[in-house]
Structures are given as C-alpha cells and as structure tokens.
C-alpha cells in the first residue's frame, strides 16, 4: 500500500512535461508489462482530466504517451532530489532503477 501511494506521488510532480512522440518500447530496457502493474496508482492524479495542485496552483501533467527518456530522466531527478517537488521526491525514492525503466516503457508505449 505504501509503495503504491509513493508511486502515485512520484508521478504527480512531473509538471513540466514537454509533449513528444513516444518511442517504441522495444528500444528500451524497461518491461512495459511490469510497468503497467506499477503505474495503476499514478492514474489517481495523472489520469484525472483537469486535475490541479491546490498550491501552488498548476495542472497535473498527462504522462501517458510521454517520451521514454524524459520519463526516466524526470523520475531519476526526483529520486536524487534534483527536482523540487517533495511529493514526487518521496515517491521516486521508493522506486528502483528498474521500476523507473519499466514505468517509462509502459507510459511511453501508450498512444494518445
């Protein structure tokens, strides 16, 4: 349960998502099937149309279809406290490097 909650918050803070064409998951070392199991709680924030942070007030980004390399970099930076978002930092610290690659493989495989 805690891991699920942490994973949810890990993906909540990806707020400055640049829209890019998703790369084929076959090119990545992540396992999209495993990533699909790991991201179910991410939809609690990232899957709600129009969902926003209350403070500071900004929209929660859509992460489905985002570029693999961006997702890996963003989660890695949150994990290392190189991006400022306490919720995402806490969530990302609960993820292994393989978890991050699996999540990115799954999310990048989703066609919008």
C-alpha atoms as a PDB file:
ATOM      1  CA  UNK A   1       0.000   0.000   0.000  1.00  0.00           C
ATOM      2  CA  UNK A   2       2.746   2.444   0.943  1.00  0.00           C
ATOM      3  CA  UNK A   3       4.669   1.631  -2.214  1.00  0.00           C
ATOM      4  CA  UNK A   4       1.536   2.255  -4.284  1.00  0.00           C
ATOM      5  CA  UNK A   5       0.975   5.590  -2.605  1.00  0.00           C
ATOM      6  CA  UNK A   6       4.601   6.540  -3.065  1.00  0.00           C
ATOM      7  CA  UNK A   7       4.488   5.589  -6.739  1.00  0.00           C
ATOM      8  CA  UNK A   8       1.391   7.702  -7.236  1.00  0.00           C
ATOM      9  CA  UNK A   9       3.017  10.755  -5.813  1.00  0.00           C
ATOM     10  CA  UNK A  10       6.217  10.067  -7.751  1.00  0.00           C
ATOM     11  CA  UNK A  11       4.425  10.668 -10.971  1.00  0.00           C
ATOM     12  CA  UNK A  12       2.267  13.518  -9.718  1.00  0.00           C
ATOM     13  CA  UNK A  13       5.070  16.067  -9.843  1.00  0.00           C
ATOM     14  CA  UNK A  14       6.060  15.695 -13.470  1.00  0.00           C
ATOM     15  CA  UNK A  15       4.601  19.111 -14.113  1.00  0.00           C
ATOM     16  CA  UNK A  16       6.753  20.494 -16.894  1.00  0.00           C
ATOM     17  CA  UNK A  17       6.151  17.695 -19.354  1.00  0.00           C
ATOM     18  CA  UNK A  18       7.048  18.569 -22.904  1.00  0.00           C
ATOM     19  CA  UNK A  19       4.867  16.697 -25.361  1.00  0.00           C
ATOM     20  CA  UNK A  20       6.935  14.368 -27.523  1.00  0.00           C
ATOM     21  CA  UNK A  21       6.196  11.395 -29.710  1.00  0.00           C
ATOM     22  CA  UNK A  22       6.516   8.182 -27.721  1.00  0.00           C
ATOM     23  CA  UNK A  23       9.395   5.930 -28.633  1.00  0.00           C
ATOM     24  CA  UNK A  24       8.717   2.262 -29.277  1.00  0.00           C
ATOM     25  CA  UNK A  25       9.026   0.319 -26.027  1.00  0.00           C
ATOM     26  CA  UNK A  26      11.090  -2.378 -27.765  1.00  0.00           C
ATOM     27  CA  UNK A  27      14.060   0.026 -27.864  1.00  0.00           C
ATOM     28  CA  UNK A  28      14.152   0.407 -24.103  1.00  0.00           C
ATOM     29  CA  UNK A  29      15.489  -1.768 -21.294  1.00  0.00           C
ATOM     30  CA  UNK A  30      12.210  -1.440 -19.400  1.00  0.00           C
ATOM     31  CA  UNK A  31       9.425  -4.019 -19.304  1.00  0.00           C
ATOM     32  CA  UNK A  32       6.131  -2.390 -20.288  1.00  0.00           C
ATOM     33  CA  UNK A  33       4.068  -5.267 -18.851  1.00  0.00           C
ATOM     34  CA  UNK A  34       5.675  -4.804 -15.441  1.00  0.00           C
ATOM     35  CA  UNK A  35       5.395  -1.029 -15.750  1.00  0.00           C
ATOM     36  CA  UNK A  36       1.659  -1.373 -16.370  1.00  0.00           C
ATOM     37  CA  UNK A  37       1.332  -3.008 -12.959  1.00  0.00           C
ATOM     38  CA  UNK A  38       3.402  -0.306 -11.281  1.00  0.00           C
ATOM     39  CA  UNK A  39       1.532   2.728 -12.617  1.00  0.00           C
ATOM     40  CA  UNK A  40      -2.017   1.846 -11.646  1.00  0.00           C
ATOM     41  CA  UNK A  41      -1.977   4.351  -8.805  1.00  0.00           C
ATOM     42  CA  UNK A  42      -0.482   7.098 -10.983  1.00  0.00           C
ATOM     43  CA  UNK A  43      -3.856   7.468 -12.647  1.00  0.00           C
ATOM     44  CA  UNK A  44      -5.188   8.817  -9.351  1.00  0.00           C
ATOM     45  CA  UNK A  45      -3.688  12.188 -10.272  1.00  0.00           C
ATOM     46  CA  UNK A  46      -2.280  11.967 -13.779  1.00  0.00           C
ATOM     47  CA  UNK A  47      -5.392  10.338 -15.194  1.00  0.00           C
ATOM     48  CA  UNK A  48      -7.962  12.868 -13.960  1.00  0.00           C
ATOM     49  CA  UNK A  49      -8.861  15.445 -16.643  1.00  0.00           C
ATOM     50  CA  UNK A  50      -8.354  18.964 -15.347  1.00  0.00           C
ATOM     51  CA  UNK A  51      -6.770  17.885 -12.043  1.00  0.00           C
ATOM     52  CA  UNK A  52      -4.634  20.638 -10.470  1.00  0.00           C
ATOM     53  CA  UNK A  53      -2.382  21.135  -7.483  1.00  0.00           C
ATOM     54  CA  UNK A  54      -4.107  23.342  -4.933  1.00  0.00           C
ATOM     55  CA  UNK A  55      -0.900  25.155  -4.020  1.00  0.00           C
ATOM     56  CA  UNK A  56       0.971  26.164  -5.971  1.00  0.00           C
ATOM     57  CA  UNK A  57      -1.841  26.179  -8.480  1.00  0.00           C
ATOM     58  CA  UNK A  58      -0.814  24.381 -11.666  1.00  0.00           C
ATOM     59  CA  UNK A  59      -2.198  21.489 -13.676  1.00  0.00           C
ATOM     60  CA  UNK A  60      -1.086  17.898 -13.168  1.00  0.00           C
ATOM     61  CA  UNK A  61       0.518  16.817 -16.446  1.00  0.00           C
ATOM     62  CA  UNK A  62      -0.638  13.921 -18.548  1.00  0.00           C
ATOM     63  CA  UNK A  63       2.126  11.329 -18.660  1.00  0.00           C
ATOM     64  CA  UNK A  64       0.599   8.696 -20.936  1.00  0.00           C
ATOM     65  CA  UNK A  65       2.468   8.719 -24.251  1.00  0.00           C
ATOM     66  CA  UNK A  66       5.348  10.796 -22.909  1.00  0.00           C
ATOM     67  CA  UNK A  67       8.830  10.079 -24.264  1.00  0.00           C
ATOM     68  CA  UNK A  68      10.682   7.217 -22.534  1.00  0.00           C
ATOM     69  CA  UNK A  69      13.945   9.102 -21.986  1.00  0.00           C
ATOM     70  CA  UNK A  70      12.129  12.088 -20.489  1.00  0.00           C
ATOM     71  CA  UNK A  71      10.233   9.904 -18.003  1.00  0.00           C
ATOM     72  CA  UNK A  72      13.420   8.090 -16.944  1.00  0.00           C
ATOM     73  CA  UNK A  73      15.271  11.386 -16.529  1.00  0.00           C
ATOM     74  CA  UNK A  74      12.443  13.107 -14.637  1.00  0.00           C
ATOM     75  CA  UNK A  75      11.867  10.254 -12.193  1.00  0.00           C
ATOM     76  CA  UNK A  76      15.614   9.862 -11.725  1.00  0.00           C
ATOM     77  CA  UNK A  77      15.966  13.556 -10.922  1.00  0.00           C
ATOM     78  CA  UNK A  78      13.118  13.423  -8.415  1.00  0.00           C
ATOM     79  CA  UNK A  79      14.719  10.333  -6.879  1.00  0.00           C
ATOM     80  CA  UNK A  80      18.013  12.215  -6.425  1.00  0.00           C
ATOM     81  CA  UNK A  81      16.249  15.378  -5.125  1.00  0.00           C
ATOM     82  CA  UNK A  82      17.397  17.289  -8.212  1.00  0.00           C
ATOM     83  CA  UNK A  83      13.828  18.414  -8.951  1.00  0.00           C
ATOM     84  CA  UNK A  84      11.869  20.333  -6.367  1.00  0.00           C
ATOM     85  CA  UNK A  85       8.605  18.637  -5.514  1.00  0.00           C
ATOM     86  CA  UNK A  86       8.503  16.966  -2.099  1.00  0.00           C
ATOM     87  CA  UNK A  87       5.687  14.607  -3.059  1.00  0.00           C
ATOM     88  CA  UNK A  88       7.412  13.415  -6.215  1.00  0.00           C
ATOM     89  CA  UNK A  89      10.764  13.174  -4.450  1.00  0.00           C
ATOM     90  CA  UNK A  90       9.295  10.888  -1.799  1.00  0.00           C
ATOM     91  CA  UNK A  91       7.525   8.755  -4.379  1.00  0.00           C
ATOM     92  CA  UNK A  92      10.529   8.405  -6.675  1.00  0.00           C
ATOM     93  CA  UNK A  93      12.807   7.405  -3.807  1.00  0.00           C
ATOM     94  CA  UNK A  94      10.622   4.328  -3.348  1.00  0.00           C
ATOM     95  CA  UNK A  95      11.360   3.200  -6.922  1.00  0.00           C
ATOM     96  CA  UNK A  96      14.272   1.106  -8.088  1.00  0.00           C
ATOM     97  CA  UNK A  97      16.113   1.951 -11.306  1.00  0.00           C
ATOM     98  CA  UNK A  98      14.339  -0.997 -12.944  1.00  0.00           C
ATOM     99  CA  UNK A  99      10.959   0.238 -11.670  1.00  0.00           C
ATOM    100  CA  UNK A 100      11.646   3.586 -13.331  1.00  0.00           C
ATOM    101  CA  UNK A 101      12.613   1.936 -16.639  1.00  0.00           C
ATOM    102  CA  UNK A 102       9.530  -0.309 -16.509  1.00  0.00           C
ATOM    103  CA  UNK A 103       7.207   2.612 -15.772  1.00  0.00           C
ATOM    104  CA  UNK A 104       8.750   4.657 -18.582  1.00  0.00           C
ATOM    105  CA  UNK A 105       8.476   1.730 -21.009  1.00  0.00           C
ATOM    106  CA  UNK A 106       4.786   1.340 -20.281  1.00  0.00           C
ATOM    107  CA  UNK A 107       3.859   5.030 -20.279  1.00  0.00           C
ATOM    108  CA  UNK A 108       5.812   5.719 -23.468  1.00  0.00           C
ATOM    109  CA  UNK A 109       4.054   2.840 -25.230  1.00  0.00           C
ATOM    110  CA  UNK A 110       0.604   4.395 -24.766  1.00  0.00           C
ATOM    111  CA  UNK A 111      -0.708   6.027 -27.920  1.00  0.00           C
ATOM    112  CA  UNK A 112      -2.777   9.134 -27.295  1.00  0.00           C
END
